[in-house]
Amino acid sequence: MRKLKQFIAGDEDGDRGESFLEEDSDGSCSLTATQRMYAFAACLAAGLAFMFLSLIVFVKPIKFALLFTFGNIFAVGSTAFLIGTGQQLTMMFDSTRVYATSIYLGFVVVSLICALLIHNKILTLIAILCEICALIWYSLSYIPFARTMVSNLMVRVFDTEL
């Protein structure tokens, strides 16, 4: 654990510079670097556990939607412990991914509304499928040229000459 902390903190050769764990982008976090790593791991594990549990109750779409959506929120929000909430929000609403973030968050809200208020299983499943697609598109925005490659691939796959 000490080696991992040193690697992330950039303290490999003894020069102690500020790392992304030590600099707090918005100044509101009082956790140490180790506590932040543990909180990240716990939040990510909780999110993955919720998503795994959602697979168990897949036959009940409303419970599935709730567990899956809360799992997504925990998993995406876990990185805020590493980089700070201000930096997380800045990255999420950067000009390259503002639309992907907005669509993803919109489908999170829609799936919760369909599950909690409307209680319609078909609408809930459609909202969850859209949420998954939006999450994939949002995640691809963090990989350079990934969305361009996927777009080009989709054009080639579905391009049929009439």
Protein backbone atom coordinates (compact mmCIF):
# COMPACT_ATOMS: atom_id res chain seq x y z
CA MET A 1 0.00 0.00 0.00
CA ARG A 2 2.88 2.33 0.81
CA LYS A 3 4.42 1.74 -2.64
CA LEU A 4 1.10 2.45 -4.33
CA LYS A 5 0.68 5.64 -2.31
CA GLN A 6 4.23 6.73 -3.20
CA PHE A 7 3.63 5.99 -6.87
CA ILE A 8 0.36 7.94 -6.98
CA ALA A 9 1.85 10.75 -4.91
CA GLY A 10 4.82 10.99 -7.28
CA ASP A 11 7.36 10.27 -4.55
CA GLU A 12 9.34 7.56 -6.36
CA ASP A 13 12.74 9.24 -6.29
CA GLY A 14 12.35 11.15 -3.09
CA ASP A 15 11.25 14.43 -4.64
CA ARG A 16 8.00 15.21 -2.94
CA GLY A 17 5.72 17.05 -5.39
CA GLU A 18 2.02 17.58 -5.10
CA SER A 19 -0.04 14.84 -6.67
CA PHE A 20 -3.64 14.71 -7.71
CA LEU A 21 -4.40 13.08 -4.36
CA GLU A 22 -2.75 15.78 -2.30
CA GLU A 23 -3.96 18.83 -4.15
CA ASP A 24 -7.59 19.44 -3.41
CA SER A 25 -9.19 21.20 -6.33
CA ASP A 26 -11.93 22.83 -4.33
CA GLY A 27 -10.33 22.94 -0.87
CA SER A 28 -13.25 21.27 0.87
CA CYS A 29 -11.82 17.80 1.49
CA SER A 30 -10.03 17.21 4.77
CA LEU A 31 -9.20 13.54 4.12
CA THR A 32 -5.62 12.35 3.83
CA ALA A 33 -4.42 10.74 0.63
CA THR A 34 -4.74 7.28 2.16
CA GLN A 35 -8.26 7.99 3.40
CA ARG A 36 -9.23 9.27 -0.03
CA MET A 37 -7.91 6.10 -1.68
CA TYR A 38 -9.87 3.97 0.79
CA ALA A 39 -13.01 6.05 0.24
CA PHE A 40 -12.58 5.71 -3.54
CA ALA A 41 -12.19 1.94 -3.23
CA ALA A 42 -15.17 1.64 -0.86
CA CYS A 43 -17.43 3.78 -3.07
CA LEU A 44 -16.38 1.92 -6.21
CA ALA A 45 -16.89 -1.44 -4.47
CA ALA A 46 -20.34 -0.35 -3.29
CA GLY A 47 -21.23 0.72 -6.82
CA LEU A 48 -20.05 -2.57 -8.28
CA ALA A 49 -21.92 -4.47 -5.56
CA PHE A 50 -25.13 -2.61 -6.38
CA MET A 51 -24.66 -3.36 -10.08
CA PHE A 52 -23.98 -7.03 -9.34
CA LEU A 53 -27.04 -7.25 -7.08
CA SER A 54 -29.10 -5.67 -9.84
CA LEU A 55 -28.31 -8.67 -12.04
CA ILE A 56 -29.79 -10.97 -9.40
CA VAL A 57 -33.13 -9.13 -9.46
CA PHE A 58 -33.14 -8.66 -13.24
CA VAL A 59 -36.58 -10.25 -13.52
CA LYS A 60 -38.00 -7.40 -11.44
CA PRO A 61 -37.22 -4.37 -13.62
CA ILE A 62 -38.04 -1.74 -11.02
CA LYS A 63 -35.67 -3.18 -8.40
CA PHE A 64 -33.13 -3.77 -11.15
CA ALA A 65 -33.35 -0.14 -12.24
CA LEU A 66 -32.92 1.18 -8.72
CA LEU A 67 -29.92 -1.00 -7.88
CA PHE A 68 -28.27 -0.50 -11.25
CA THR A 69 -28.75 3.27 -11.25
CA PHE A 70 -27.48 3.71 -7.71
CA GLY A 71 -24.54 1.46 -8.58
CA ASN A 72 -23.72 3.71 -11.52
CA ILE A 73 -23.94 6.82 -9.39
CA PHE A 74 -21.61 5.33 -6.78
CA ALA A 75 -19.12 4.12 -9.40
CA VAL A 76 -19.00 7.40 -11.31
CA GLY A 77 -18.93 9.45 -8.11
CA SER A 78 -16.12 7.41 -6.58
CA THR A 79 -13.50 9.29 -8.58
CA ALA A 80 -14.49 12.49 -6.77
CA PHE A 81 -12.58 11.13 -3.77
CA LEU A 82 -9.43 10.98 -5.85
CA ILE A 83 -9.58 14.26 -7.71
CA GLY A 84 -12.06 16.32 -5.68
CA THR A 85 -15.63 17.22 -6.44
CA GLY A 86 -14.76 20.49 -8.16
CA GLN A 87 -12.31 18.82 -10.54
CA GLN A 88 -14.77 15.95 -11.10
CA LEU A 89 -17.53 18.36 -12.10
CA THR A 90 -15.13 20.38 -14.25
CA MET A 91 -14.08 17.24 -16.10
CA MET A 92 -17.66 15.98 -16.43
CA PHE A 93 -18.90 19.25 -17.91
CA ASP A 94 -15.85 19.90 -20.08
CA SER A 95 -16.75 20.97 -23.61
CA THR A 96 -15.79 17.55 -25.02
CA ARG A 97 -18.17 15.62 -22.78
CA VAL A 98 -20.86 18.07 -21.66
CA TYR A 99 -23.47 16.50 -23.96
CA ALA A 100 -22.55 12.95 -22.96
CA THR A 101 -22.70 13.90 -19.28
CA SER A 102 -26.03 15.68 -19.67
CA ILE A 103 -27.58 12.78 -21.56
CA TYR A 104 -26.24 10.26 -19.03
CA LEU A 105 -27.52 12.26 -16.04
CA GLY A 106 -30.83 12.79 -17.84
CA PHE A 107 -31.33 9.07 -18.33
CA VAL A 108 -30.37 8.43 -14.70
CA VAL A 109 -33.21 10.75 -13.68
CA VAL A 110 -35.60 9.28 -16.26
CA SER A 111 -34.89 5.71 -15.12
CA LEU A 112 -35.47 6.67 -11.49
CA ILE A 113 -38.72 8.43 -12.41
CA CYS A 114 -39.90 5.41 -14.42
CA ALA A 115 -39.03 3.06 -11.57
CA LEU A 116 -40.19 5.10 -8.58
CA LEU A 117 -43.08 7.21 -9.84
CA ILE A 118 -44.49 5.61 -12.97
CA HIS A 119 -43.89 1.94 -12.02
CA ASN A 120 -43.89 0.92 -15.67
CA LYS A 121 -41.56 -2.03 -16.30
CA ILE A 122 -41.19 -1.51 -20.05
CA LEU A 123 -40.40 2.19 -19.73
CA THR A 124 -37.97 1.40 -16.92
CA LEU A 125 -36.12 -1.14 -19.05
CA ILE A 126 -35.96 1.25 -22.00
CA ALA A 127 -34.62 3.99 -19.72
CA ILE A 128 -32.01 1.60 -18.29
CA LEU A 129 -30.87 0.57 -21.79
CA CYS A 130 -30.54 4.23 -22.74
CA GLU A 131 -28.68 4.88 -19.48
CA ILE A 132 -26.21 2.08 -20.26
CA CYS A 133 -25.62 3.44 -23.77
CA ALA A 134 -25.16 6.95 -22.41
CA LEU A 135 -22.72 5.69 -19.76
CA ILE A 136 -20.68 3.89 -22.41
CA TRP A 137 -20.61 7.01 -24.60
CA TYR A 138 -19.67 9.14 -21.56
CA SER A 139 -16.90 6.70 -20.59
CA LEU A 140 -15.54 6.70 -24.14
CA SER A 141 -15.07 10.47 -23.87
CA TYR A 142 -12.15 9.88 -21.49
CA ILE A 143 -10.26 7.77 -24.05
CA PRO A 144 -8.64 9.82 -26.82
CA PHE A 145 -10.28 9.21 -30.22
CA ALA A 146 -12.47 6.40 -28.82
CA ARG A 147 -15.76 8.02 -29.74
CA THR A 148 -14.51 8.76 -33.25
CA MET A 149 -13.43 5.15 -33.69
CA VAL A 150 -16.76 3.82 -32.40
CA SER A 151 -18.69 6.24 -34.64
CA ASN A 152 -16.69 5.18 -37.69
CA LEU A 153 -17.16 1.53 -36.81
CA MET A 154 -20.92 1.98 -36.40
CA VAL A 155 -21.11 3.73 -39.79
CA ARG A 156 -19.24 0.85 -41.42
CA VAL A 157 -21.35 -1.81 -39.71
CA PHE A 158 -24.69 -0.20 -40.50
CA ASP A 159 -23.76 1.33 -43.84
CA THR A 160 -25.68 -0.59 -46.42
CA GLU A 161 -25.96 0.34 -50.01
CA LEU A 162 -29.47 0.26 -51.35
